[in-house]
C-alpha atoms as a PDB file:
ATOM      1  CA  MET A   1     -12.158   8.500 -13.073  1.00  0.00           C
ATOM      2  CA  ILE A   2     -15.705   8.082 -12.192  1.00  0.00           C
ATOM      3  CA  GLU A   3     -15.089   4.971 -10.158  1.00  0.00           C
ATOM      4  CA  ALA A   4     -12.497   6.923  -8.118  1.00  0.00           C
ATOM      5  CA  LEU A   5     -14.854   9.883  -7.564  1.00  0.00           C
ATOM      6  CA  GLU A   6     -17.642   7.583  -6.408  1.00  0.00           C
ATOM      7  CA  LYS A   7     -15.453   6.315  -3.605  1.00  0.00           C
ATOM      8  CA  VAL A   8     -14.739   9.794  -2.172  1.00  0.00           C
ATOM      9  CA  SER A   9     -17.276  10.987   0.398  1.00  0.00           C
ATOM     10  CA  LEU A  10     -17.457  14.482  -1.217  1.00  0.00           C
ATOM     11  CA  PHE A  11     -19.000  13.041  -4.371  1.00  0.00           C
ATOM     12  CA  LYS A  12     -20.573   9.836  -3.086  1.00  0.00           C
ATOM     13  CA  GLU A  13     -24.125  11.098  -3.356  1.00  0.00           C
ATOM     14  CA  LEU A  14     -23.865  12.362  -6.858  1.00  0.00           C
ATOM     15  CA  SER A  15     -25.429  10.666  -9.777  1.00  0.00           C
ATOM     16  CA  HIS A  16     -23.346   9.037 -12.480  1.00  0.00           C
ATOM     17  CA  LEU A  17     -24.426  11.886 -14.821  1.00  0.00           C
ATOM     18  CA  LYS A  18     -23.252  14.651 -12.406  1.00  0.00           C
ATOM     19  CA  LEU A  19     -19.831  12.773 -11.887  1.00  0.00           C
ATOM     20  CA  GLU A  20     -19.461  12.565 -15.774  1.00  0.00           C
ATOM     21  CA  ALA A  21     -19.807  16.439 -15.842  1.00  0.00           C
ATOM     22  CA  ILE A  22     -17.226  16.909 -13.105  1.00  0.00           C
ATOM     23  CA  THR A  23     -14.515  14.513 -14.491  1.00  0.00           C
ATOM     24  CA  PRO A  24     -13.211  16.925 -17.235  1.00  0.00           C
ATOM     25  CA  PHE A  25     -11.746  19.086 -14.482  1.00  0.00           C
ATOM     26  CA  CYS A  26     -10.226  16.226 -12.394  1.00  0.00           C
ATOM     27  CA  GLN A  27      -6.755  14.910 -12.749  1.00  0.00           C
ATOM     28  CA  LEU A  28      -5.549  11.563 -11.301  1.00  0.00           C
ATOM     29  CA  LEU A  29      -2.139  12.035  -9.645  1.00  0.00           C
ATOM     30  CA  ASN A  30       0.231   9.219  -8.682  1.00  0.00           C
ATOM     31  CA  LEU A  31       2.804  10.504  -6.102  1.00  0.00           C
ATOM     32  CA  MET A  32       5.746   9.199  -4.118  1.00  0.00           C
ATOM     33  CA  ASP A  33       6.971   9.493  -0.608  1.00  0.00           C
ATOM     34  CA  GLY A  34       7.991  13.046   0.221  1.00  0.00           C
ATOM     35  CA  ASP A  35       6.210  14.708  -2.675  1.00  0.00           C
ATOM     36  CA  MET A  36       4.435  17.988  -1.832  1.00  0.00           C
ATOM     37  CA  LEU A  37       0.865  18.443  -3.059  1.00  0.00           C
ATOM     38  CA  ILE A  38       0.409  21.844  -1.402  1.00  0.00           C
ATOM     39  CA  ARG A  39       2.949  24.348  -0.048  1.00  0.00           C
ATOM     40  CA  GLU A  40       2.173  26.572   2.899  1.00  0.00           C
ATOM     41  CA  SER A  41       1.667  30.293   1.883  1.00  0.00           C
ATOM     42  CA  ASP A  42       1.138  29.372  -1.791  1.00  0.00           C
ATOM     43  CA  LYS A  43      -1.266  31.789  -3.377  1.00  0.00           C
ATOM     44  CA  ASN A  44      -2.445  29.253  -5.959  1.00  0.00           C
ATOM     45  CA  VAL A  45      -5.406  28.206  -3.905  1.00  0.00           C
ATOM     46  CA  SER A  46      -8.060  27.237  -6.343  1.00  0.00           C
ATOM     47  CA  ASP A  47      -7.489  23.568  -6.526  1.00  0.00           C
ATOM     48  CA  LEU A  48      -8.685  20.947  -4.061  1.00  0.00           C
ATOM     49  CA  TYR A  49      -7.551  17.428  -3.642  1.00  0.00           C
ATOM     50  CA  LEU A  50      -9.288  14.018  -2.992  1.00  0.00           C
ATOM     51  CA  LEU A  51      -7.033  11.230  -1.350  1.00  0.00           C
ATOM     52  CA  CYS A  52      -7.830   8.044  -3.155  1.00  0.00           C
ATOM     53  CA  ALA A  53      -4.945   5.795  -1.673  1.00  0.00           C
ATOM     54  CA  GLY A  54      -2.201   6.208   0.779  1.00  0.00           C
ATOM     55  CA  SER A  55      -1.728   8.982   3.341  1.00  0.00           C
ATOM     56  CA  VAL A  56      -0.458  12.564   3.594  1.00  0.00           C
ATOM     57  CA  GLU A  57       0.844  14.642   6.431  1.00  0.00           C
ATOM     58  CA  ILE A  58      -0.450  18.194   6.919  1.00  0.00           C
ATOM     59  CA  VAL A  59       2.466  20.277   7.980  1.00  0.00           C
ATOM     60  CA  SER A  60       2.303  23.870   9.296  1.00  0.00           C
ATOM     61  CA  SER A  61       4.981  26.160  10.628  1.00  0.00           C
ATOM     62  CA  ALA A  62       2.210  28.606  11.909  1.00  0.00           C
ATOM     63  CA  THR A  63       0.499  26.316  14.286  1.00  0.00           C
ATOM     64  CA  ALA A  64       3.277  23.950  15.196  1.00  0.00           C
ATOM     65  CA  ILE A  65       5.578  24.472  18.167  1.00  0.00           C
ATOM     66  CA  THR A  66       8.503  23.397  15.970  1.00  0.00           C
ATOM     67  CA  SER A  67       8.586  24.513  12.360  1.00  0.00           C
ATOM     68  CA  GLY A  68       7.562  21.784  10.048  1.00  0.00           C
ATOM     69  CA  GLU A  69       5.866  19.590  12.718  1.00  0.00           C
ATOM     70  CA  VAL A  70       3.193  17.207  11.439  1.00  0.00           C
ATOM     71  CA  VAL A  71      -0.196  18.653  12.619  1.00  0.00           C
ATOM     72  CA  ILE A  72      -2.526  16.083  11.033  1.00  0.00           C
ATOM     73  CA  SER A  73      -2.254  12.852   9.156  1.00  0.00           C
ATOM     74  CA  LYS A  74      -4.932  12.017   6.605  1.00  0.00           C
ATOM     75  CA  GLN A  75      -5.883   8.568   5.220  1.00  0.00           C
ATOM     76  CA  ASP A  76      -7.680   7.288   2.245  1.00  0.00           C
ATOM     77  CA  LYS A  77     -10.832   9.004   1.052  1.00  0.00           C
ATOM     78  CA  ASP A  78     -10.044  12.321   2.597  1.00  0.00           C
ATOM     79  CA  LEU A  79     -10.408  15.833   1.271  1.00  0.00           C
ATOM     80  CA  PHE A  80      -7.859  18.608   1.629  1.00  0.00           C
ATOM     81  CA  GLY A  81      -7.204  22.091   0.122  1.00  0.00           C
ATOM     82  CA  GLU A  82     -10.874  22.937   0.465  1.00  0.00           C
ATOM     83  CA  MET A  83     -10.225  25.939   2.945  1.00  0.00           C
ATOM     84  CA  GLY A  84      -8.219  27.807   0.371  1.00  0.00           C
ATOM     85  CA  TRP A  85     -10.703  26.970  -2.344  1.00  0.00           C
ATOM     86  CA  LEU A  86     -13.546  28.329  -0.244  1.00  0.00           C
ATOM     87  CA  THR A  87     -11.749  31.344   1.157  1.00  0.00           C
ATOM     88  CA  ASN A  88      -9.336  32.226  -1.594  1.00  0.00           C
ATOM     89  CA  ALA A  89      -6.680  32.834   1.078  1.00  0.00           C
ATOM     90  CA  PRO A  90      -3.065  31.622   0.727  1.00  0.00           C
ATOM     91  CA  ARG A  91      -2.509  28.034   1.899  1.00  0.00           C
ATOM     92  CA  THR A  92      -2.181  27.702   5.683  1.00  0.00           C
ATOM     93  CA  ALA A  93      -0.272  24.456   5.533  1.00  0.00           C
ATOM     94  CA  SER A  94       1.826  22.157   3.420  1.00  0.00           C
ATOM     95  CA  VAL A  95       0.606  18.686   2.395  1.00  0.00           C
ATOM     96  CA  ARG A  96       3.342  16.036   2.044  1.00  0.00           C
ATOM     97  CA  CYS A  97       2.919  12.466   0.786  1.00  0.00           C
ATOM     98  CA  HIS A  98       3.690   9.765   3.323  1.00  0.00           C
ATOM     99  CA  GLY A  99       4.510   6.734   1.140  1.00  0.00           C
ATOM    100  CA  ASN A 100       2.923   6.178  -2.286  1.00  0.00           C
ATOM    101  CA  VAL A 101      -0.219   8.282  -2.760  1.00  0.00           C
ATOM    102  CA  GLN A 102      -2.974   8.391  -5.309  1.00  0.00           C
ATOM    103  CA  ALA A 103      -4.964  11.613  -5.325  1.00  0.00           C
ATOM    104  CA  ILE A 104      -7.340  13.544  -7.594  1.00  0.00           C
ATOM    105  CA  ARG A 105      -6.665  17.157  -8.166  1.00  0.00           C
ATOM    106  CA  VAL A 106      -9.976  19.045  -8.781  1.00  0.00           C
ATOM    107  CA  ASP A 107      -9.664  22.439 -10.739  1.00  0.00           C
ATOM    108  CA  GLY A 108     -11.446  24.583  -8.118  1.00  0.00           C
ATOM    109  CA  GLN A 109     -12.208  27.417 -10.661  1.00  0.00           C
ATOM    110  CA  ALA A 110     -13.960  24.996 -13.015  1.00  0.00           C
ATOM    111  CA  LEU A 111     -15.760  23.274 -10.060  1.00  0.00           C
ATOM    112  CA  SER A 112     -16.932  26.758  -8.935  1.00  0.00           C
ATOM    113  CA  ILE A 113     -18.321  27.542 -12.335  1.00  0.00           C
ATOM    114  CA  PHE A 114     -20.003  24.175 -12.487  1.00  0.00           C
ATOM    115  CA  LEU A 115     -21.630  24.630  -9.094  1.00  0.00           C
ATOM    116  CA  ASP A 116     -22.924  28.055 -10.032  1.00  0.00           C
ATOM    117  CA  SER A 117     -25.143  26.344 -12.567  1.00  0.00           C
ATOM    118  CA  HIS A 118     -25.796  23.279 -10.465  1.00  0.00           C
ATOM    119  CA  PRO A 119     -26.752  24.466  -7.010  1.00  0.00           C
ATOM    120  CA  ASP A 120     -28.037  21.147  -6.037  1.00  0.00           C
ATOM    121  CA  VAL A 121     -24.506  19.611  -6.399  1.00  0.00           C
ATOM    122  CA  GLY A 122     -23.114  22.594  -4.515  1.00  0.00           C
ATOM    123  CA  PHE A 123     -25.421  21.879  -1.596  1.00  0.00           C
ATOM    124  CA  ILE A 124     -24.168  18.346  -1.413  1.00  0.00           C
ATOM    125  CA  ILE A 125     -20.609  19.296  -1.648  1.00  0.00           C
ATOM    126  CA  MET A 126     -20.887  21.970   0.999  1.00  0.00           C
ATOM    127  CA  ARG A 127     -22.660  19.678   3.355  1.00  0.00           C
ATOM    128  CA  HIS A 128     -19.721  17.287   3.133  1.00  0.00           C
ATOM    129  CA  ILE A 129     -17.112  20.025   3.597  1.00  0.00           C
ATOM    130  CA  ALA A 130     -19.018  21.320   6.720  1.00  0.00           C
END
């Protein structure tokens, strides 16, 4: 898991020791074409996702001209779900796998608790999100 986290820009600057502390609340996901990682309007917003391999499509009925139109396509090493985690608002878009995808789900509540006691790590993460 640590090797996968080291490759994602969000955690790239963190020491091996800090990454070891984060891994207990990370889960590696292997997904297939069409699988949904996030559903628009979902109120379970605490998790964020790191894309390790493959690509996903961000689909939103609220911002698209036609319901279900692909708004953004994300590739390897991208982060998504961070806005829901930061704002605690319902998901504003769905995230659908385009082909085979490997991603890491980060338990946002556990990450928030960790960051409360490690503000140096919080600063690095927030800088990458901004």
